[in-house]
C-alpha atoms as a PDB file:
ATOM      1  CA  MET A   1      84.872  83.394 113.294  1.00  0.00           C
ATOM      2  CA  LEU A   2      84.341  83.926 109.538  1.00  0.00           C
ATOM      3  CA  ILE A   3      86.631  83.567 106.428  1.00  0.00           C
ATOM      4  CA  LEU A   4      85.978  86.394 104.172  1.00  0.00           C
ATOM      5  CA  THR A   5      85.793  85.189 100.455  1.00  0.00           C
ATOM      6  CA  CYS A   6      83.178  87.422  98.828  1.00  0.00           C
ATOM      7  CA  PRO A   7      84.785  90.180  96.686  1.00  0.00           C
ATOM      8  CA  SER A   8      82.352  92.692  97.923  1.00  0.00           C
ATOM      9  CA  ARG A   9      83.238  92.137 101.502  1.00  0.00           C
ATOM     10  CA  LEU A  10      86.926  92.190 100.827  1.00  0.00           C
ATOM     11  CA  GLN A  11      86.375  95.515  99.055  1.00  0.00           C
ATOM     12  CA  LEU A  12      84.522  96.832 102.169  1.00  0.00           C
ATOM     13  CA  LEU A  13      87.270  95.552 104.443  1.00  0.00           C
ATOM     14  CA  GLU A  14      89.972  97.085 102.341  1.00  0.00           C
ATOM     15  CA  GLY A  15      88.334 100.481 102.661  1.00  0.00           C
ATOM     16  CA  VAL A  16      88.018 100.232 106.335  1.00  0.00           C
ATOM     17  CA  LEU A  17      91.743  99.179 106.792  1.00  0.00           C
ATOM     18  CA  ARG A  18      92.760 101.974 104.479  1.00  0.00           C
ATOM     19  CA  ARG A  19      91.109 104.554 106.646  1.00  0.00           C
ATOM     20  CA  SER A  20      92.956 103.258 109.721  1.00  0.00           C
ATOM     21  CA  LEU A  21      96.446 103.437 108.181  1.00  0.00           C
ATOM     22  CA  PRO A  22      99.262 103.333 109.120  1.00  0.00           C
ATOM     23  CA  GLN A  23      98.499 100.989 112.011  1.00  0.00           C
ATOM     24  CA  THR A  24      96.751  98.516 109.688  1.00  0.00           C
ATOM     25  CA  LEU A  25      99.796  98.369 107.256  1.00  0.00           C
ATOM     26  CA  PRO A  26     100.646  94.498 107.272  1.00  0.00           C
ATOM     27  CA  ALA A  27      97.013  93.430 107.267  1.00  0.00           C
ATOM     28  CA  TYR A  28      96.028  96.015 104.647  1.00  0.00           C
ATOM     29  CA  GLY A  29      98.932  95.031 102.373  1.00  0.00           C
ATOM     30  CA  ALA A  30      97.879  91.381 102.572  1.00  0.00           C
ATOM     31  CA  VAL A  31      94.282  92.095 102.004  1.00  0.00           C
ATOM     32  CA  MET A  32      95.155  94.070  98.752  1.00  0.00           C
ATOM     33  CA  HIS A  33      97.422  91.219  97.524  1.00  0.00           C
ATOM     34  CA  ILE A  34      94.401  88.995  98.073  1.00  0.00           C
ATOM     35  CA  LYS A  35      92.193  91.081  95.993  1.00  0.00           C
ATOM     36  CA  HIS A  36      94.703  91.469  93.412  1.00  0.00           C
ATOM     37  CA  GLY A  37      95.640  87.927  92.303  1.00  0.00           C
ATOM     38  CA  ASN A  38      96.516  86.422  95.649  1.00  0.00           C
ATOM     39  CA  PRO A  39     100.059  85.447  94.858  1.00  0.00           C
ATOM     40  CA  ALA A  40     100.686  84.327  98.325  1.00  0.00           C
ATOM     41  CA  GLN A  41      97.382  82.201  98.590  1.00  0.00           C
ATOM     42  CA  HIS A  42      96.347  83.955 101.744  1.00  0.00           C
ATOM     43  CA  GLU A  43      92.853  84.375 103.261  1.00  0.00           C
ATOM     44  CA  VAL A  44      91.087  86.760 105.627  1.00  0.00           C
ATOM     45  CA  VAL A  45      89.526  85.848 109.019  1.00  0.00           C
ATOM     46  CA  VAL A  46      87.339  88.180 111.033  1.00  0.00           C
ATOM     47  CA  ASP A  47      85.764  87.671 114.437  1.00  0.00           C
ATOM     48  CA  SER A  48      82.319  88.656 113.078  1.00  0.00           C
ATOM     49  CA  TRP A  49      80.654  90.465 110.169  1.00  0.00           C
ATOM     50  CA  PRO A  50      79.794  93.118 109.185  1.00  0.00           C
ATOM     51  CA  GLU A  51      80.691  94.702 112.638  1.00  0.00           C
ATOM     52  CA  PHE A  52      84.158  93.197 113.387  1.00  0.00           C
ATOM     53  CA  LYS A  53      86.753  93.849 116.090  1.00  0.00           C
ATOM     54  CA  VAL A  54      89.730  91.924 114.734  1.00  0.00           C
ATOM     55  CA  VAL A  55      91.213  90.991 111.342  1.00  0.00           C
ATOM     56  CA  LEU A  56      93.631  88.243 110.752  1.00  0.00           C
ATOM     57  CA  THR A  57      95.188  87.264 107.491  1.00  0.00           C
ATOM     58  CA  ARG A  58      96.854  83.869 107.010  1.00  0.00           C
ATOM     59  CA  PRO A  59      97.823  81.204 104.363  1.00  0.00           C
ATOM     60  CA  CYS A  60      95.230  78.966 102.965  1.00  0.00           C
ATOM     61  CA  LYS A  61      95.528  75.436 104.457  1.00  0.00           C
ATOM     62  CA  GLU A  62      97.165  73.853 101.573  1.00  0.00           C
ATOM     63  CA  VAL A  63     100.009  76.296 101.434  1.00  0.00           C
ATOM     64  CA  VAL A  64     101.866  75.177 104.571  1.00  0.00           C
ATOM     65  CA  GLN A  65     103.243  71.673 104.034  1.00  0.00           C
ATOM     66  CA  ASP A  66     105.995  71.750 106.537  1.00  0.00           C
ATOM     67  CA  LYS A  67     104.907  72.357 110.249  1.00  0.00           C
ATOM     68  CA  TRP A  68     108.366  73.945 111.033  1.00  0.00           C
ATOM     69  CA  ASP A  69     108.174  76.374 108.140  1.00  0.00           C
ATOM     70  CA  TYR A  70     107.352  79.778 109.668  1.00  0.00           C
ATOM     71  CA  TYR A  71     108.397  81.514 106.567  1.00  0.00           C
ATOM     72  CA  ALA A  72     105.406  80.184 104.590  1.00  0.00           C
ATOM     73  CA  ASN A  73     103.027  80.338 107.656  1.00  0.00           C
ATOM     74  CA  LEU A  74     102.636  84.163 107.594  1.00  0.00           C
ATOM     75  CA  HIS A  75      99.914  85.924 109.452  1.00  0.00           C
ATOM     76  CA  ALA A  76      99.187  89.537 110.086  1.00  0.00           C
ATOM     77  CA  ALA A  77      96.692  91.093 112.588  1.00  0.00           C
ATOM     78  CA  PHE A  78      94.935  94.303 113.298  1.00  0.00           C
ATOM     79  CA  TYR A  79      92.389  94.796 116.018  1.00  0.00           C
ATOM     80  CA  TRP A  80      90.081  97.448 117.681  1.00  0.00           C
ATOM     81  CA  ASP A  81      89.391  95.294 120.713  1.00  0.00           C
ATOM     82  CA  ILE A  82      92.280  93.417 122.503  1.00  0.00           C
ATOM     83  CA  ASP A  83      90.005  90.899 123.988  1.00  0.00           C
ATOM     84  CA  ALA A  84      88.479  89.975 120.693  1.00  0.00           C
ATOM     85  CA  CYS A  85      92.046  89.674 119.389  1.00  0.00           C
ATOM     86  CA  ARG A  86      92.939  87.276 122.091  1.00  0.00           C
ATOM     87  CA  ALA A  87      89.847  85.155 121.620  1.00  0.00           C
ATOM     88  CA  LEU A  88      90.616  84.920 117.794  1.00  0.00           C
ATOM     89  CA  LEU A  89      94.285  84.032 118.305  1.00  0.00           C
ATOM     90  CA  GLU A  90      93.409  81.223 120.857  1.00  0.00           C
ATOM     91  CA  ASN A  91      90.813  79.897 118.510  1.00  0.00           C
ATOM     92  CA  VAL A  92      92.372  76.760 117.051  1.00  0.00           C
ATOM     93  CA  GLY A  93      90.357  77.257 113.875  1.00  0.00           C
ATOM     94  CA  ALA A  94      92.043  80.642 113.349  1.00  0.00           C
ATOM     95  CA  ILE A  95      95.750  79.651 114.146  1.00  0.00           C
ATOM     96  CA  ASP A  96      97.238  76.172 114.481  1.00  0.00           C
ATOM     97  CA  TRP A  97      99.658  76.596 117.446  1.00  0.00           C
ATOM     98  CA  GLY A  98     100.938  73.093 116.697  1.00  0.00           C
ATOM     99  CA  LYS A  99     102.815  74.502 113.665  1.00  0.00           C
ATOM    100  CA  ALA A 100     105.605  77.146 113.605  1.00  0.00           C
ATOM    101  CA  PHE A 101     104.212  80.452 112.311  1.00  0.00           C
ATOM    102  CA  GLN A 102     104.976  84.222 112.010  1.00  0.00           C
ATOM    103  CA  LEU A 103     102.696  86.812 113.211  1.00  0.00           C
ATOM    104  CA  GLN A 104     103.139  90.545 112.299  1.00  0.00           C
ATOM    105  CA  GLY A 105     101.407  93.875 113.364  1.00  0.00           C
ATOM    106  CA  LEU A 106     102.047  97.341 114.645  1.00  0.00           C
ATOM    107  CA  GLN A 107     100.104  97.279 117.884  1.00  0.00           C
ATOM    108  CA  ASP A 108     101.880  96.758 121.352  1.00  0.00           C
ATOM    109  CA  GLY A 109      99.030  94.717 122.554  1.00  0.00           C
ATOM    110  CA  LEU A 110      99.412  92.190 119.840  1.00  0.00           C
ATOM    111  CA  TYR A 111     102.971  91.239 121.315  1.00  0.00           C
ATOM    112  CA  GLU A 112     101.725  90.974 124.918  1.00  0.00           C
ATOM    113  CA  THR A 113      98.824  88.858 123.898  1.00  0.00           C
ATOM    114  CA  THR A 114     100.759  86.576 121.768  1.00  0.00           C
ATOM    115  CA  LYS A 115     103.506  86.182 124.479  1.00  0.00           C
ATOM    116  CA  SER A 116     100.756  85.411 127.048  1.00  0.00           C
ATOM    117  CA  ILE A 117      99.243  82.592 124.859  1.00  0.00           C
ATOM    118  CA  ALA A 118     102.503  81.270 123.874  1.00  0.00           C
ATOM    119  CA  GLU A 119     103.493  80.953 127.583  1.00  0.00           C
ATOM    120  CA  ALA A 120     100.250  79.211 128.391  1.00  0.00           C
ATOM    121  CA  ARG A 121     100.693  76.659 125.633  1.00  0.00           C
ATOM    122  CA  GLY A 122     104.360  76.038 126.356  1.00  0.00           C
ATOM    123  CA  VAL A 123     105.588  77.176 122.865  1.00  0.00           C
ATOM    124  CA  HIS A 124     108.578  79.312 122.037  1.00  0.00           C
ATOM    125  CA  LEU A 125     108.120  83.004 120.965  1.00  0.00           C
ATOM    126  CA  GLU A 126     110.819  85.023 119.473  1.00  0.00           C
ATOM    127  CA  PRO A 127     110.024  88.622 119.074  1.00  0.00           C
ATOM    128  CA  TYR A 128     111.635  90.997 116.538  1.00  0.00           C
ATOM    129  CA  CYS A 129     110.953  94.696 116.894  1.00  0.00           C
ATOM    130  CA  TYR A 130     111.706  97.101 114.280  1.00  0.00           C
ATOM    131  CA  LEU A 131     111.156 100.738 113.587  1.00  0.00           C
ATOM    132  CA  THR A 132     108.254 101.381 111.115  1.00  0.00           C
ATOM    133  CA  LEU A 133     108.999 103.739 108.152  1.00  0.00           C
ATOM    134  CA  MET A 134     106.486 104.857 105.602  1.00  0.00           C
ATOM    135  CA  HIS A 135     106.426 107.411 102.789  1.00  0.00           C
ATOM    136  CA  PRO A 136     103.837 110.112 103.340  1.00  0.00           C
ATOM    137  CA  ASP A 137     103.303 110.747  99.647  1.00  0.00           C
ATOM    138  CA  PRO A 138     104.866 108.207  97.275  1.00  0.00           C
ATOM    139  CA  SER A 139     103.755 110.298  94.218  1.00  0.00           C
ATOM    140  CA  THR A 140     106.619 112.479  95.059  1.00  0.00           C
ATOM    141  CA  LEU A 141     109.151 109.843  94.523  1.00  0.00           C
ATOM    142  CA  SER A 142     111.846 111.161  92.163  1.00  0.00           C
ATOM    143  CA  PRO A 143     112.858 108.865  89.180  1.00  0.00           C
ATOM    144  CA  SER A 144     115.513 106.263  89.917  1.00  0.00           C
ATOM    145  CA  GLY A 145     118.741 107.443  88.781  1.00  0.00           C
ATOM    146  CA  LEU A 146     122.419 105.997  89.081  1.00  0.00           C
ATOM    147  CA  ARG A 147     125.534 107.741  89.728  1.00  0.00           C
ATOM    148  CA  SER A 148     127.845 104.884  88.555  1.00  0.00           C
ATOM    149  CA  GLU A 149     128.475 104.143  84.933  1.00  0.00           C
ATOM    150  CA  HIS A 150     129.389 100.553  85.998  1.00  0.00           C
ATOM    151  CA  LEU A 151     126.041  99.668  87.275  1.00  0.00           C
ATOM    152  CA  CYS A 152     122.616  99.360  85.756  1.00  0.00           C
ATOM    153  CA  PHE A 153     119.170  98.145  86.760  1.00  0.00           C
ATOM    154  CA  GLY A 154     118.748  94.457  86.167  1.00  0.00           C
ATOM    155  CA  THR A 155     116.082  91.696  86.860  1.00  0.00           C
ATOM    156  CA  LEU A 156     115.990  89.388  89.682  1.00  0.00           C
ATOM    157  CA  ASN A 157     115.207  85.859  88.836  1.00  0.00           C
ATOM    158  CA  PRO A 158     115.118  82.445  90.659  1.00  0.00           C
ATOM    159  CA  SER A 159     118.827  81.876  89.691  1.00  0.00           C
ATOM    160  CA  HIS A 160     119.665  84.613  92.233  1.00  0.00           C
ATOM    161  CA  THR A 161     117.777  83.101  95.232  1.00  0.00           C
ATOM    162  CA  THR A 162     120.964  81.244  96.619  1.00  0.00           C
ATOM    163  CA  LEU A 163     122.950  84.547  96.715  1.00  0.00           C
ATOM    164  CA  LEU A 164     119.970  86.261  98.533  1.00  0.00           C
ATOM    165  CA  ASN A 165     119.550  83.274 100.922  1.00  0.00           C
ATOM    166  CA  GLU A 166     123.278  83.473 101.810  1.00  0.00           C
ATOM    167  CA  THR A 167     123.128  87.259 102.657  1.00  0.00           C
ATOM    168  CA  TRP A 168     119.824  87.387 104.511  1.00  0.00           C
ATOM    169  CA  TYR A 169     119.680  87.667 108.391  1.00  0.00           C
ATOM    170  CA  PHE A 170     116.943  84.959 108.386  1.00  0.00           C
ATOM    171  CA  GLY A 171     118.271  82.894 105.578  1.00  0.00           C
ATOM    172  CA  GLY A 172     120.649  80.076 105.190  1.00  0.00           C
ATOM    173  CA  ASN A 173     118.254  77.191 105.141  1.00  0.00           C
ATOM    174  CA  SER A 174     115.952  75.423 102.558  1.00  0.00           C
ATOM    175  CA  GLN A 175     112.819  76.948 104.037  1.00  0.00           C
ATOM    176  CA  SER A 176     114.132  80.465 103.634  1.00  0.00           C
ATOM    177  CA  LEU A 177     115.317  79.528 100.144  1.00  0.00           C
ATOM    178  CA  ARG A 178     111.747  78.593  99.102  1.00  0.00           C
ATOM    179  CA  TYR A 179     110.346  81.708 100.680  1.00  0.00           C
ATOM    180  CA  LEU A 180     112.861  84.097  98.956  1.00  0.00           C
ATOM    181  CA  ASP A 181     112.137  82.236  95.657  1.00  0.00           C
ATOM    182  CA  SER A 182     108.462  82.949  96.126  1.00  0.00           C
ATOM    183  CA  LEU A 183     109.036  86.646  96.764  1.00  0.00           C
ATOM    184  CA  ILE A 184     111.270  87.031  93.655  1.00  0.00           C
ATOM    185  CA  ARG A 185     108.574  85.201  91.535  1.00  0.00           C
ATOM    186  CA  ASN A 186     105.461  87.042  92.781  1.00  0.00           C
ATOM    187  CA  PHE A 187     106.145  90.493  94.116  1.00  0.00           C
ATOM    188  CA  PRO A 188     107.717  93.896  93.232  1.00  0.00           C
ATOM    189  CA  LYS A 189     111.486  93.945  93.496  1.00  0.00           C
ATOM    190  CA  ALA A 190     114.459  95.701  92.085  1.00  0.00           C
ATOM    191  CA  CYS A 191     118.173  95.069  91.713  1.00  0.00           C
ATOM    192  CA  LEU A 192     121.351  96.471  90.386  1.00  0.00           C
ATOM    193  CA  VAL A 193     123.881  94.563  88.235  1.00  0.00           C
ATOM    194  CA  ASP A 194     127.442  95.139  87.241  1.00  0.00           C
ATOM    195  CA  LYS A 195     128.904  95.080  83.733  1.00  0.00           C
ATOM    196  CA  GLU A 196     129.172  91.376  83.808  1.00  0.00           C
ATOM    197  CA  GLY A 197     125.529  91.150  84.669  1.00  0.00           C
ATOM    198  CA  GLN A 198     126.184  90.024  88.202  1.00  0.00           C
ATOM    199  CA  VAL A 199     123.671  91.157  90.923  1.00  0.00           C
ATOM    200  CA  VAL A 200     125.167  93.519  93.412  1.00  0.00           C
ATOM    201  CA  SER A 201     122.291  95.305  95.181  1.00  0.00           C
ATOM    202  CA  TRP A 202     118.544  94.397  95.703  1.00  0.00           C
ATOM    203  CA  CYS A 203     115.258  95.121  97.459  1.00  0.00           C
ATOM    204  CA  LEU A 204     112.350  92.799  97.741  1.00  0.00           C
ATOM    205  CA  SER A 205     108.777  93.095  99.010  1.00  0.00           C
ATOM    206  CA  ASP A 206     106.541  90.620 100.678  1.00  0.00           C
ATOM    207  CA  PRO A 207     102.983  89.389 100.991  1.00  0.00           C
ATOM    208  CA  TYR A 208     102.223  92.404 103.216  1.00  0.00           C
ATOM    209  CA  ALA A 209     103.437  94.704 100.614  1.00  0.00           C
ATOM    210  CA  ALA A 210     106.362  95.704 102.812  1.00  0.00           C
ATOM    211  CA  MET A 211     109.718  96.313 101.350  1.00  0.00           C
ATOM    212  CA  THR A 212     112.265  93.731 102.716  1.00  0.00           C
ATOM    213  CA  HIS A 213     115.683  92.129 102.503  1.00  0.00           C
ATOM    214  CA  GLY A 214     117.516  95.084 100.979  1.00  0.00           C
ATOM    215  CA  TYR A 215     121.117  94.319 100.640  1.00  0.00           C
ATOM    216  CA  THR A 216     124.225  95.673  98.863  1.00  0.00           C
ATOM    217  CA  LEU A 217     127.487  93.511  98.446  1.00  0.00           C
ATOM    218  CA  PRO A 218     130.153  95.171 100.542  1.00  0.00           C
ATOM    219  CA  GLN A 219     132.467  96.288  97.731  1.00  0.00           C
ATOM    220  CA  TYR A 220     129.598  98.445  96.274  1.00  0.00           C
ATOM    221  CA  ARG A 221     128.468 100.097  99.281  1.00  0.00           C
ATOM    222  CA  GLY A 222     128.815 104.026  99.444  1.00  0.00           C
ATOM    223  CA  GLN A 223     127.678 104.407  95.935  1.00  0.00           C
ATOM    224  CA  GLY A 224     124.009 104.955  96.489  1.00  0.00           C
ATOM    225  CA  CYS A 225     123.087 101.511  95.417  1.00  0.00           C
ATOM    226  CA  SER A 226     120.587 100.831  98.292  1.00  0.00           C
ATOM    227  CA  GLY A 227     118.771 104.132  97.768  1.00  0.00           C
ATOM    228  CA  ASN A 228     118.288 103.251  94.075  1.00  0.00           C
ATOM    229  CA  VAL A 229     116.881  99.720  94.594  1.00  0.00           C
ATOM    230  CA  VAL A 230     114.576 101.003  97.390  1.00  0.00           C
ATOM    231  CA  ARG A 231     113.185 103.795  95.276  1.00  0.00           C
ATOM    232  CA  ARG A 232     112.810 101.548  92.223  1.00  0.00           C
ATOM    233  CA  THR A 233     110.875  98.906  94.361  1.00  0.00           C
ATOM    234  CA  ALA A 234     108.724 101.862  96.065  1.00  0.00           C
ATOM    235  CA  GLU A 235     107.757 103.106  92.506  1.00  0.00           C
ATOM    236  CA  GLN A 236     106.350  99.646  91.540  1.00  0.00           C
ATOM    237  CA  LEU A 237     104.470  99.360  94.859  1.00  0.00           C
ATOM    238  CA  HIS A 238     102.985 102.874  94.475  1.00  0.00           C
ATOM    239  CA  ALA A 239     102.164 102.120  90.924  1.00  0.00           C
ATOM    240  CA  ARG A 240     100.005  99.202  92.112  1.00  0.00           C
ATOM    241  CA  GLY A 241      98.177 101.426  94.672  1.00  0.00           C
ATOM    242  CA  PHE A 242     100.140  99.998  97.648  1.00  0.00           C
ATOM    243  CA  PRO A 243     101.452 102.205 100.551  1.00  0.00           C
ATOM    244  CA  VAL A 244     105.315 102.378 100.577  1.00  0.00           C
ATOM    245  CA  TYR A 245     106.703 101.082 103.887  1.00  0.00           C
ATOM    246  CA  CYS A 246     109.208  98.783 105.678  1.00  0.00           C
ATOM    247  CA  GLY A 247     110.423  97.761 109.017  1.00  0.00           C
ATOM    248  CA  VAL A 248     114.119  98.471 109.843  1.00  0.00           C
ATOM    249  CA  SER A 249     116.131  97.403 112.850  1.00  0.00           C
ATOM    250  CA  SER A 250     117.084 100.493 115.027  1.00  0.00           C
ATOM    251  CA  LYS A 251     120.617  99.182 114.906  1.00  0.00           C
ATOM    252  CA  ASN A 252     120.737  98.982 111.087  1.00  0.00           C
ATOM    253  CA  HIS A 253     121.822 102.588 110.606  1.00  0.00           C
ATOM    254  CA  HIS A 254     122.700 102.062 106.956  1.00  0.00           C
ATOM    255  CA  SER A 255     119.388 100.794 106.042  1.00  0.00           C
ATOM    256  CA  LYS A 256     117.552 103.422 108.004  1.00  0.00           C
ATOM    257  CA  LYS A 257     119.580 106.155 106.428  1.00  0.00           C
ATOM    258  CA  ALA A 258     118.968 104.665 102.778  1.00  0.00           C
ATOM    259  CA  VAL A 259     115.215 104.539 103.186  1.00  0.00           C
ATOM    260  CA  GLN A 260     115.004 107.881 104.842  1.00  0.00           C
ATOM    261  CA  LYS A 261     116.894 109.374 101.923  1.00  0.00           C
ATOM    262  CA  GLN A 262     114.052 108.234  99.755  1.00  0.00           C
ATOM    263  CA  GLY A 263     111.576 110.196 101.888  1.00  0.00           C
ATOM    264  CA  LEU A 264     110.226 107.568 104.181  1.00  0.00           C
ATOM    265  CA  HIS A 265     109.542 108.761 107.713  1.00  0.00           C
ATOM    266  CA  VAL A 266     109.827 106.939 110.991  1.00  0.00           C
ATOM    267  CA  LEU A 267     106.340 106.254 112.562  1.00  0.00           C
ATOM    268  CA  PRO A 268     105.556 106.071 116.285  1.00  0.00           C
ATOM    269  CA  TRP A 269     104.736 102.571 116.128  1.00  0.00           C
ATOM    270  CA  THR A 270     106.830  99.426 116.422  1.00  0.00           C
ATOM    271  CA  TYR A 271     106.670  96.846 113.778  1.00  0.00           C
ATOM    272  CA  TYR A 272     106.446  93.476 115.347  1.00  0.00           C
ATOM    273  CA  MET A 273     107.460  90.194 113.925  1.00  0.00           C
ATOM    274  CA  LEU A 274     106.667  87.350 116.283  1.00  0.00           C
ATOM    275  CA  ILE A 275     108.004  83.809 115.435  1.00  0.00           C
ATOM    276  CA  VAL A 276     106.328  81.055 117.260  1.00  0.00           C
ATOM    277  CA  THR A 277     107.638  77.596 117.254  1.00  0.00           C
ATOM    278  CA  PRO A 278     106.342  74.448 119.042  1.00  0.00           C
ATOM    279  CA  ALA A 279     108.297  73.096 121.898  1.00  0.00           C
ATOM    280  CA  PRO A 280     111.626  71.363 120.827  1.00  0.00           C
ATOM    281  CA  ASN A 281     110.552  68.097 122.457  1.00  0.00           C
ATOM    282  CA  LEU A 282     107.625  67.930 120.084  1.00  0.00           C
ATOM    283  CA  LYS A 283     109.852  68.088 116.935  1.00  0.00           C
ATOM    284  CA  LYS A 284     109.943  64.958 114.923  1.00  0.00           C
END
């Protein structure tokens, strides 16, 4: 196991992951953010170098202060060899299974392997499976435009975090509040506001450069709000050299339709978000 810190090695890794898109999307997005300011304070682990079979991105040790905070304890993985992936995931130097964490990736074997390790360790695994959508050519995104004279683009800031936390499926607690605050402060995003300056629709992006937590207040739906904030966020990601992609629940027909209208296509890979938490009887 090796932590990559050398800029030239990270540059080489980025190129390798780029050539293997879209299956490398979460890991690739994390590596790009690491190379460009590292706002999430992540690092990259490989099983070996320069010939490697698995890549794991994770937070630097000082980032995760709360052992139950899986929002902050974000990991992404990509592999060419499933046995090498299992070996790295089981390595206590790579992942601390005594803490709650989140693992994301687009390969079916990642879920099966993580599930097997979790069962063996007696920890809880909650899988979330999403459709993966990606724009084939973000340079063709049309300029953002609004159909309503009562709305305009605004700026999300930390004062809006409570509203976002209350409307997010995974929100509603202090850990999610801190996480959303970090997304607002550090990553591309977009929002619409009404004439009073109140936020009515928004889209964020995360440490994997994926668009996430898109939401429109119920009274403003059906006016093209979601499409506009998605497109504005996508424009920002593309301008920084990131791919434009997201994961959407197959049951969330509104979000799926909104991102498809912006040119994103459904890919044949499932976007796995695996949340691991220690056994309840270990909680203090």
